[in-house]
Amino acid sequence: MSIIYMLLAISVVVALIFFVLFIISVRSGQYDDTYTPSVRMLFDDELVKSKEENPTNLK
């Protein structure tokens, strides 16, 4: 029966560690912008095409 209490205590400590790390990451601003990274990959090809169409070499 004492092993159950020990496992319960260890699981609470691990949960508290993860909770503290989550709070630290939220306060540091890691989750501020969730929309831009998912859309940024859609516009990479357009930027490459516009650079190829408009060369900057002088003739």
PDB file of N, CA and C in Angstrom:
ATOM      1  N   MET A   1       0.819  -1.194   0.000  1.00  0.00           N
ATOM      2  CA  MET A   1       0.000   0.000   0.000  1.00  0.00           C
ATOM      3  C   MET A   1       0.863   1.258   0.000  1.00  0.00           C
ATOM      4  N   SER A   2       2.050   1.165   0.571  1.00  0.00           N
ATOM      5  CA  SER A   2       2.913   2.349   0.626  1.00  0.00           C
ATOM      6  C   SER A   2       3.449   2.713  -0.758  1.00  0.00           C
ATOM      7  N   ILE A   3       3.552   1.731  -1.662  1.00  0.00           N
ATOM      8  CA  ILE A   3       4.023   2.030  -3.014  1.00  0.00           C
ATOM      9  C   ILE A   3       3.024   2.894  -3.766  1.00  0.00           C
ATOM     10  N   ILE A   4       1.746   2.725  -3.481  1.00  0.00           N
ATOM     11  CA  ILE A   4       0.727   3.557  -4.130  1.00  0.00           C
ATOM     12  C   ILE A   4       0.887   5.009  -3.704  1.00  0.00           C
ATOM     13  N   TYR A   5       1.143   5.232  -2.425  1.00  0.00           N
ATOM     14  CA  TYR A   5       1.342   6.600  -1.934  1.00  0.00           C
ATOM     15  C   TYR A   5       2.602   7.220  -2.536  1.00  0.00           C
ATOM     16  N   MET A   6       3.639   6.409  -2.677  1.00  0.00           N
ATOM     17  CA  MET A   6       4.872   6.921  -3.265  1.00  0.00           C
ATOM     18  C   MET A   6       4.661   7.264  -4.740  1.00  0.00           C
ATOM     19  N   LEU A   7       3.989   6.401  -5.495  1.00  0.00           N
ATOM     20  CA  LEU A   7       3.717   6.677  -6.902  1.00  0.00           C
ATOM     21  C   LEU A   7       2.803   7.890  -7.071  1.00  0.00           C
ATOM     22  N   LEU A   8       1.856   8.041  -6.178  1.00  0.00           N
ATOM     23  CA  LEU A   8       0.967   9.196  -6.219  1.00  0.00           C
ATOM     24  C   LEU A   8       1.750  10.485  -5.976  1.00  0.00           C
ATOM     25  N   ALA A   9       2.650  10.459  -5.016  1.00  0.00           N
ATOM     26  CA  ALA A   9       3.470  11.633  -4.724  1.00  0.00           C
ATOM     27  C   ALA A   9       4.395  11.968  -5.897  1.00  0.00           C
ATOM     28  N   ILE A  10       4.980  10.969  -6.509  1.00  0.00           N
ATOM     29  CA  ILE A  10       5.859  11.199  -7.659  1.00  0.00           C
ATOM     30  C   ILE A  10       5.074  11.767  -8.829  1.00  0.00           C
ATOM     31  N   SER A  11       3.885  11.259  -9.059  1.00  0.00           N
ATOM     32  CA  SER A  11       3.087  11.769 -10.178  1.00  0.00           C
ATOM     33  C   SER A  11       2.638  13.207  -9.949  1.00  0.00           C
ATOM     34  N   VAL A  12       2.347  13.565  -8.716  1.00  0.00           N
ATOM     35  CA  VAL A  12       1.984  14.952  -8.411  1.00  0.00           C
ATOM     36  C   VAL A  12       3.185  15.865  -8.617  1.00  0.00           C
ATOM     37  N   VAL A  13       4.362  15.439  -8.221  1.00  0.00           N
ATOM     38  CA  VAL A  13       5.574  16.243  -8.412  1.00  0.00           C
ATOM     39  C   VAL A  13       5.859  16.429  -9.899  1.00  0.00           C
ATOM     40  N   VAL A  14       5.747  15.379 -10.682  1.00  0.00           N
ATOM     41  CA  VAL A  14       5.983  15.481 -12.127  1.00  0.00           C
ATOM     42  C   VAL A  14       4.940  16.407 -12.773  1.00  0.00           C
ATOM     43  N   ALA A  15       3.695  16.310 -12.351  1.00  0.00           N
ATOM     44  CA  ALA A  15       2.643  17.182 -12.886  1.00  0.00           C
ATOM     45  C   ALA A  15       2.921  18.638 -12.538  1.00  0.00           C
ATOM     46  N   LEU A  16       3.381  18.895 -11.336  1.00  0.00           N
ATOM     47  CA  LEU A  16       3.711  20.269 -10.950  1.00  0.00           C
ATOM     48  C   LEU A  16       4.890  20.814 -11.748  1.00  0.00           C
ATOM     49  N   ILE A  17       5.870  19.968 -12.030  1.00  0.00           N
ATOM     50  CA  ILE A  17       7.015  20.398 -12.841  1.00  0.00           C
ATOM     51  C   ILE A  17       6.553  20.779 -14.246  1.00  0.00           C
ATOM     52  N   PHE A  18       5.719  19.942 -14.860  1.00  0.00           N
ATOM     53  CA  PHE A  18       5.211  20.268 -16.194  1.00  0.00           C
ATOM     54  C   PHE A  18       4.349  21.531 -16.177  1.00  0.00           C
ATOM     55  N   PHE A  19       3.569  21.721 -15.126  1.00  0.00           N
ATOM     56  CA  PHE A  19       2.738  22.912 -15.017  1.00  0.00           C
ATOM     57  C   PHE A  19       3.588  24.169 -14.901  1.00  0.00           C
ATOM     58  N   VAL A  20       4.643  24.122 -14.109  1.00  0.00           N
ATOM     59  CA  VAL A  20       5.535  25.275 -13.964  1.00  0.00           C
ATOM     60  C   VAL A  20       6.233  25.572 -15.284  1.00  0.00           C
ATOM     61  N   LEU A  21       6.688  24.550 -15.980  1.00  0.00           N
ATOM     62  CA  LEU A  21       7.324  24.766 -17.281  1.00  0.00           C
ATOM     63  C   LEU A  21       6.344  25.348 -18.296  1.00  0.00           C
ATOM     64  N   PHE A  22       5.097  24.939 -18.247  1.00  0.00           N
ATOM     65  CA  PHE A  22       4.083  25.489 -19.137  1.00  0.00           C
ATOM     66  C   PHE A  22       3.841  26.965 -18.832  1.00  0.00           C
ATOM     67  N   ILE A  23       3.742  27.315 -17.570  1.00  0.00           N
ATOM     68  CA  ILE A  23       3.536  28.714 -17.187  1.00  0.00           C
ATOM     69  C   ILE A  23       4.720  29.574 -17.628  1.00  0.00           C
ATOM     70  N   ILE A  24       5.925  29.059 -17.479  1.00  0.00           N
ATOM     71  CA  ILE A  24       7.115  29.796 -17.905  1.00  0.00           C
ATOM     72  C   ILE A  24       7.096  30.012 -19.412  1.00  0.00           C
ATOM     73  N   SER A  25       6.720  29.005 -20.189  1.00  0.00           N
ATOM     74  CA  SER A  25       6.697  29.158 -21.642  1.00  0.00           C
ATOM     75  C   SER A  25       5.596  30.111 -22.092  1.00  0.00           C
ATOM     76  N   VAL A  26       4.473  30.144 -21.404  1.00  0.00           N
ATOM     77  CA  VAL A  26       3.404  31.082 -21.759  1.00  0.00           C
ATOM     78  C   VAL A  26       3.836  32.505 -21.445  1.00  0.00           C
ATOM     79  N   ARG A  27       4.464  32.704 -20.312  1.00  0.00           N
ATOM     80  CA  ARG A  27       4.907  34.055 -19.942  1.00  0.00           C
ATOM     81  C   ARG A  27       6.035  34.555 -20.840  1.00  0.00           C
ATOM     82  N   SER A  28       6.812  33.666 -21.395  1.00  0.00           N
ATOM     83  CA  SER A  28       7.900  34.095 -22.280  1.00  0.00           C
ATOM     84  C   SER A  28       7.402  34.426 -23.681  1.00  0.00           C
ATOM     85  N   GLY A  29       6.132  34.153 -23.968  1.00  0.00           N
ATOM     86  CA  GLY A  29       5.561  34.536 -25.247  1.00  0.00           C
ATOM     87  C   GLY A  29       5.655  33.479 -26.322  1.00  0.00           C
ATOM     88  N   GLN A  30       5.857  32.250 -25.955  1.00  0.00           N
ATOM     89  CA  GLN A  30       6.024  31.201 -26.952  1.00  0.00           C
ATOM     90  C   GLN A  30       4.735  30.930 -27.724  1.00  0.00           C
ATOM     91  N   TYR A  31       3.588  31.155 -27.107  1.00  0.00           N
ATOM     92  CA  TYR A  31       2.318  30.837 -27.747  1.00  0.00           C
ATOM     93  C   TYR A  31       1.551  32.086 -28.181  1.00  0.00           C
ATOM     94  N   ASP A  32       2.228  33.201 -28.378  1.00  0.00           N
ATOM     95  CA  ASP A  32       1.539  34.439 -28.722  1.00  0.00           C
ATOM     96  C   ASP A  32       0.930  34.407 -30.116  1.00  0.00           C
ATOM     97  N   ASP A  33       1.688  34.007 -31.099  1.00  0.00           N
ATOM     98  CA  ASP A  33       1.212  34.039 -32.478  1.00  0.00           C
ATOM     99  C   ASP A  33       1.110  32.614 -33.011  1.00  0.00           C
ATOM    100  N   THR A  34      -0.100  32.117 -33.093  1.00  0.00           N
ATOM    101  CA  THR A  34      -0.284  30.761 -33.589  1.00  0.00           C
ATOM    102  C   THR A  34      -0.774  30.739 -35.030  1.00  0.00           C
ATOM    103  N   TYR A  35      -1.155  31.889 -35.580  1.00  0.00           N
ATOM    104  CA  TYR A  35      -1.721  31.911 -36.924  1.00  0.00           C
ATOM    105  C   TYR A  35      -0.642  32.081 -37.992  1.00  0.00           C
ATOM    106  N   THR A  36       0.286  32.972 -37.787  1.00  0.00           N
ATOM    107  CA  THR A  36       1.272  33.295 -38.825  1.00  0.00           C
ATOM    108  C   THR A  36       2.151  32.115 -39.238  1.00  0.00           C
ATOM    109  N   PRO A  37       2.704  31.313 -38.326  1.00  0.00           N
ATOM    110  CA  PRO A  37       3.548  30.207 -38.785  1.00  0.00           C
ATOM    111  C   PRO A  37       2.810  29.197 -39.663  1.00  0.00           C
ATOM    112  N   SER A  38       1.528  29.000 -39.428  1.00  0.00           N
ATOM    113  CA  SER A  38       0.801  28.034 -40.242  1.00  0.00           C
ATOM    114  C   SER A  38       0.506  28.579 -41.634  1.00  0.00           C
ATOM    115  N   VAL A  39       0.456  29.888 -41.791  1.00  0.00           N
ATOM    116  CA  VAL A  39       0.147  30.492 -43.084  1.00  0.00           C
ATOM    117  C   VAL A  39       1.415  30.868 -43.835  1.00  0.00           C
ATOM    118  N   ARG A  40       2.511  31.062 -43.128  1.00  0.00           N
ATOM    119  CA  ARG A  40       3.758  31.506 -43.752  1.00  0.00           C
ATOM    120  C   ARG A  40       4.231  30.543 -44.830  1.00  0.00           C
ATOM    121  N   MET A  41       4.023  29.243 -44.622  1.00  0.00           N
ATOM    122  CA  MET A  41       4.483  28.275 -45.615  1.00  0.00           C
ATOM    123  C   MET A  41       3.700  28.369 -46.912  1.00  0.00           C
ATOM    124  N   LEU A  42       2.510  28.953 -46.889  1.00  0.00           N
ATOM    125  CA  LEU A  42       1.727  29.092 -48.105  1.00  0.00           C
ATOM    126  C   LEU A  42       2.250  30.194 -49.009  1.00  0.00           C
ATOM    127  N   PHE A  43       2.972  31.159 -48.463  1.00  0.00           N
ATOM    128  CA  PHE A  43       3.431  32.307 -49.226  1.00  0.00           C
ATOM    129  C   PHE A  43       4.889  32.225 -49.628  1.00  0.00           C
ATOM    130  N   ASP A  44       5.596  31.190 -49.246  1.00  0.00           N
ATOM    131  CA  ASP A  44       6.996  31.082 -49.608  1.00  0.00           C
ATOM    132  C   ASP A  44       7.189  30.956 -51.112  1.00  0.00           C
ATOM    133  N   ASP A  45       6.355  30.191 -51.799  1.00  0.00           N
ATOM    134  CA  ASP A  45       6.492  30.012 -53.243  1.00  0.00           C
ATOM    135  C   ASP A  45       6.235  31.311 -53.991  1.00  0.00           C
ATOM    136  N   GLU A  46       5.295  32.108 -53.539  1.00  0.00           N
ATOM    137  CA  GLU A  46       5.008  33.371 -54.208  1.00  0.00           C
ATOM    138  C   GLU A  46       6.187  34.323 -54.104  1.00  0.00           C
ATOM    139  N   LEU A  47       6.888  34.320 -52.993  1.00  0.00           N
ATOM    140  CA  LEU A  47       8.049  35.180 -52.849  1.00  0.00           C
ATOM    141  C   LEU A  47       9.166  34.740 -53.787  1.00  0.00           C
ATOM    142  N   VAL A  48       9.346  33.449 -53.953  1.00  0.00           N
ATOM    143  CA  VAL A  48      10.390  32.939 -54.837  1.00  0.00           C
ATOM    144  C   VAL A  48      10.038  33.252 -56.290  1.00  0.00           C
ATOM    145  N   LYS A  49       8.784  33.093 -56.679  1.00  0.00           N
ATOM    146  CA  LYS A  49       8.377  33.387 -58.043  1.00  0.00           C
ATOM    147  C   LYS A  49       8.533  34.865 -58.366  1.00  0.00           C
ATOM    148  N   SER A  50       8.200  35.736 -57.435  1.00  0.00           N
ATOM    149  CA  SER A  50       8.314  37.166 -57.702  1.00  0.00           C
ATOM    150  C   SER A  50       9.775  37.583 -57.838  1.00  0.00           C
ATOM    151  N   LYS A  51      10.672  36.926 -57.137  1.00  0.00           N
ATOM    152  CA  LYS A  51      12.090  37.230 -57.285  1.00  0.00           C
ATOM    153  C   LYS A  51      12.603  36.758 -58.636  1.00  0.00           C
ATOM    154  N   GLU A  52      12.094  35.630 -59.133  1.00  0.00           N
ATOM    155  CA  GLU A  52      12.538  35.116 -60.428  1.00  0.00           C
ATOM    156  C   GLU A  52      11.984  35.970 -61.566  1.00  0.00           C
ATOM    157  N   GLU A  53      10.782  36.488 -61.424  1.00  0.00           N
ATOM    158  CA  GLU A  53      10.179  37.310 -62.467  1.00  0.00           C
ATOM    159  C   GLU A  53      10.804  38.692 -62.528  1.00  0.00           C
ATOM    160  N   ASN A  54      11.261  39.216 -61.424  1.00  0.00           N
ATOM    161  CA  ASN A  54      11.836  40.550 -61.357  1.00  0.00           C
ATOM    162  C   ASN A  54      13.312  40.455 -61.013  1.00  0.00           C
ATOM    163  N   PRO A  55      14.159  40.116 -61.973  1.00  0.00           N
ATOM    164  CA  PRO A  55      15.585  40.024 -61.649  1.00  0.00           C
ATOM    165  C   PRO A  55      16.165  41.425 -61.385  1.00  0.00           C
ATOM    166  N   THR A  56      17.135  41.468 -60.520  1.00  0.00           N
ATOM    167  CA  THR A  56      17.707  42.748 -60.135  1.00  0.00           C
ATOM    168  C   THR A  56      19.044  43.024 -60.835  1.00  0.00           C
ATOM    169  N   ASN A  57      19.393  42.208 -61.815  1.00  0.00           N
ATOM    170  CA  ASN A  57      20.650  42.452 -62.506  1.00  0.00           C
ATOM    171  C   ASN A  57      20.492  43.616 -63.500  1.00  0.00           C
ATOM    172  N   LEU A  58      21.475  44.475 -63.548  1.00  0.00           N
ATOM    173  CA  LEU A  58      21.424  45.665 -64.386  1.00  0.00           C
ATOM    174  C   LEU A  58      22.077  45.383 -65.733  1.00  0.00           C
ATOM    175  N   LYS A  59      21.396  45.786 -66.807  1.00  0.00           N
ATOM    176  CA  LYS A  59      21.952  45.574 -68.153  1.00  0.00           C
ATOM    177  C   LYS A  59      22.091  46.880 -68.857  1.00  0.00           C
TER     178      LYS A  59
END
